[in-house]
């Protein structure tokens, strides 16, 4: 499984099914991108804080 696929899976989990039912496809896509971006930002923060331990980073790639 590639990292992108994992991010996509997580983004889908983040988005509640009930929310999606009420949203237009365009809104769903926008929300999806918001979630992905948020997760990538959190990921960057995580990388910054784990720069010191190289062994920790290996698991991410």
N, C-alpha and C. Protein backbone atom coordinates (compact mmCIF):
# COMPACT_ATOMS: atom_id res chain seq x y z
N UNK A 1 0.84 -1.21 0.00
CA UNK A 1 0.00 0.00 0.00
C UNK A 1 0.87 1.25 0.00
N UNK A 2 0.63 2.14 -0.93
CA UNK A 2 1.43 3.36 -0.96
C UNK A 2 0.96 4.32 0.11
N UNK A 3 1.79 5.28 0.41
CA UNK A 3 1.48 6.25 1.45
C UNK A 3 0.23 7.07 1.08
N UNK A 4 0.11 7.40 -0.20
CA UNK A 4 -1.05 8.16 -0.66
C UNK A 4 -2.35 7.40 -0.43
N UNK A 5 -2.31 6.10 -0.70
CA UNK A 5 -3.51 5.28 -0.50
C UNK A 5 -3.90 5.27 0.96
N UNK A 6 -2.91 5.20 1.84
CA UNK A 6 -3.18 5.21 3.27
C UNK A 6 -3.83 6.53 3.67
N UNK A 7 -3.28 7.63 3.14
CA UNK A 7 -3.84 8.96 3.43
C UNK A 7 -5.28 9.03 2.96
N UNK A 8 -5.56 8.49 1.77
CA UNK A 8 -6.91 8.50 1.23
C UNK A 8 -7.85 7.71 2.13
N UNK A 9 -7.40 6.54 2.57
CA UNK A 9 -8.21 5.71 3.46
C UNK A 9 -8.54 6.48 4.74
N UNK A 10 -7.53 7.10 5.31
CA UNK A 10 -7.72 7.86 6.55
C UNK A 10 -8.66 9.03 6.34
N UNK A 11 -8.51 9.71 5.20
CA UNK A 11 -9.38 10.85 4.91
C UNK A 11 -10.83 10.40 4.84
N UNK A 12 -11.06 9.25 4.23
CA UNK A 12 -12.42 8.72 4.14
C UNK A 12 -12.96 8.41 5.54
N UNK A 13 -12.11 7.88 6.40
CA UNK A 13 -12.53 7.58 7.76
C UNK A 13 -12.86 8.86 8.53
N UNK A 14 -12.05 9.90 8.29
CA UNK A 14 -12.25 11.19 8.94
C UNK A 14 -13.62 11.77 8.60
N UNK A 15 -14.02 11.58 7.35
CA UNK A 15 -15.28 12.15 6.89
C UNK A 15 -16.42 11.22 7.28
N UNK A 16 -17.31 11.71 8.10
CA UNK A 16 -18.45 10.90 8.53
C UNK A 16 -19.36 10.61 7.34
N UNK A 17 -19.86 9.41 7.29
CA UNK A 17 -20.76 9.02 6.20
C UNK A 17 -21.98 9.94 6.16
N UNK A 18 -22.50 10.29 7.32
CA UNK A 18 -23.70 11.13 7.38
C UNK A 18 -23.45 12.50 6.78
N UNK A 19 -22.24 13.05 7.01
CA UNK A 19 -21.87 14.34 6.43
C UNK A 19 -21.90 14.25 4.91
N UNK A 20 -21.34 13.19 4.39
CA UNK A 20 -21.24 13.02 2.94
C UNK A 20 -22.61 12.90 2.29
N UNK A 21 -23.54 12.28 3.00
CA UNK A 21 -24.88 12.09 2.45
C UNK A 21 -25.57 13.43 2.19
N UNK A 22 -25.25 14.41 3.03
CA UNK A 22 -25.90 15.73 2.91
C UNK A 22 -25.17 16.66 1.94
N UNK A 23 -23.98 16.27 1.51
CA UNK A 23 -23.15 17.16 0.71
C UNK A 23 -23.22 16.84 -0.77
N UNK A 24 -23.03 17.87 -1.59
CA UNK A 24 -22.92 17.65 -3.04
C UNK A 24 -21.54 17.07 -3.31
N UNK A 25 -21.38 16.37 -4.45
CA UNK A 25 -20.06 15.81 -4.77
C UNK A 25 -18.95 16.85 -4.69
N UNK A 26 -19.24 18.07 -5.13
CA UNK A 26 -18.23 19.14 -5.10
C UNK A 26 -17.81 19.43 -3.66
N UNK A 27 -18.80 19.47 -2.76
CA UNK A 27 -18.50 19.73 -1.34
C UNK A 27 -17.71 18.59 -0.74
N UNK A 28 -18.07 17.37 -1.13
CA UNK A 28 -17.36 16.20 -0.62
C UNK A 28 -15.89 16.27 -1.02
N UNK A 29 -15.64 16.62 -2.29
CA UNK A 29 -14.27 16.72 -2.77
C UNK A 29 -13.51 17.81 -2.01
N UNK A 30 -14.17 18.95 -1.81
CA UNK A 30 -13.53 20.06 -1.09
C UNK A 30 -13.19 19.63 0.34
N UNK A 31 -14.14 19.01 0.99
CA UNK A 31 -13.95 18.54 2.37
C UNK A 31 -12.81 17.52 2.40
N UNK A 32 -12.82 16.63 1.42
CA UNK A 32 -11.79 15.60 1.33
C UNK A 32 -10.40 16.22 1.24
N UNK A 33 -10.28 17.23 0.36
CA UNK A 33 -8.99 17.90 0.20
C UNK A 33 -8.58 18.62 1.48
N UNK A 34 -9.56 19.21 2.17
CA UNK A 34 -9.29 19.88 3.45
C UNK A 34 -8.68 18.89 4.44
N UNK A 35 -9.33 17.72 4.52
CA UNK A 35 -8.87 16.70 5.46
C UNK A 35 -7.47 16.23 5.10
N UNK A 36 -7.25 15.98 3.81
CA UNK A 36 -5.93 15.52 3.37
C UNK A 36 -4.87 16.57 3.69
N UNK A 37 -5.18 17.84 3.40
CA UNK A 37 -4.22 18.92 3.66
C UNK A 37 -3.92 19.01 5.16
N UNK A 38 -4.96 18.91 5.96
CA UNK A 38 -4.80 18.97 7.41
C UNK A 38 -3.89 17.84 7.89
N UNK A 39 -4.12 16.65 7.33
CA UNK A 39 -3.32 15.50 7.72
C UNK A 39 -1.87 15.67 7.28
N UNK A 40 -1.66 16.25 6.09
CA UNK A 40 -0.30 16.47 5.61
C UNK A 40 0.41 17.49 6.49
N UNK A 41 -0.33 18.52 6.93
CA UNK A 41 0.25 19.53 7.82
C UNK A 41 0.66 18.89 9.14
N UNK A 42 -0.22 18.06 9.68
CA UNK A 42 0.09 17.37 10.94
C UNK A 42 1.31 16.49 10.75
N UNK A 43 1.37 15.87 9.58
CA UNK A 43 2.48 14.99 9.23
C UNK A 43 3.79 15.75 9.22
N UNK A 44 3.77 16.96 8.64
CA UNK A 44 4.97 17.79 8.59
C UNK A 44 5.42 18.16 10.00
N UNK A 45 4.44 18.50 10.85
CA UNK A 45 4.76 18.84 12.24
C UNK A 45 5.42 17.63 12.91
N UNK A 46 4.86 16.46 12.63
CA UNK A 46 5.37 15.23 13.19
C UNK A 46 6.81 14.99 12.74
N UNK A 47 7.05 15.22 11.45
CA UNK A 47 8.40 15.03 10.90
C UNK A 47 9.39 15.99 11.54
N UNK A 48 8.96 17.22 11.75
CA UNK A 48 9.83 18.22 12.38
C UNK A 48 10.24 17.76 13.77
N UNK A 49 9.27 17.25 14.51
CA UNK A 49 9.54 16.86 15.89
C UNK A 49 10.31 15.55 15.98
N UNK A 50 10.30 14.76 14.89
CA UNK A 50 11.00 13.47 14.92
C UNK A 50 12.28 13.49 14.09
N UNK A 51 12.67 14.67 13.60
CA UNK A 51 13.91 14.79 12.80
C UNK A 51 15.11 14.21 13.56
N UNK A 52 15.11 14.40 14.87
CA UNK A 52 16.24 13.97 15.69
C UNK A 52 16.45 12.45 15.62
N UNK A 53 15.37 11.70 15.62
CA UNK A 53 15.50 10.24 15.60
C UNK A 53 15.25 9.71 14.18
N UNK A 54 16.34 9.41 13.49
CA UNK A 54 16.26 8.96 12.10
C UNK A 54 15.51 7.63 11.99
N UNK A 55 15.66 6.78 12.98
CA UNK A 55 15.01 5.47 12.94
C UNK A 55 13.49 5.62 12.88
N UNK A 56 12.99 6.65 13.51
CA UNK A 56 11.55 6.91 13.53
C UNK A 56 11.04 7.24 12.13
N UNK A 57 11.83 7.99 11.38
CA UNK A 57 11.42 8.44 10.05
C UNK A 57 11.34 7.31 9.04
N UNK A 58 12.18 6.31 9.19
CA UNK A 58 12.24 5.21 8.22
C UNK A 58 10.86 4.58 8.02
N UNK A 59 10.12 4.43 9.09
CA UNK A 59 8.80 3.80 9.03
C UNK A 59 7.81 4.56 8.18
N UNK A 60 8.07 5.84 7.92
CA UNK A 60 7.11 6.67 7.19
C UNK A 60 7.23 6.55 5.68
N UNK A 61 8.31 5.93 5.17
CA UNK A 61 8.51 5.96 3.73
C UNK A 61 8.33 4.59 3.10
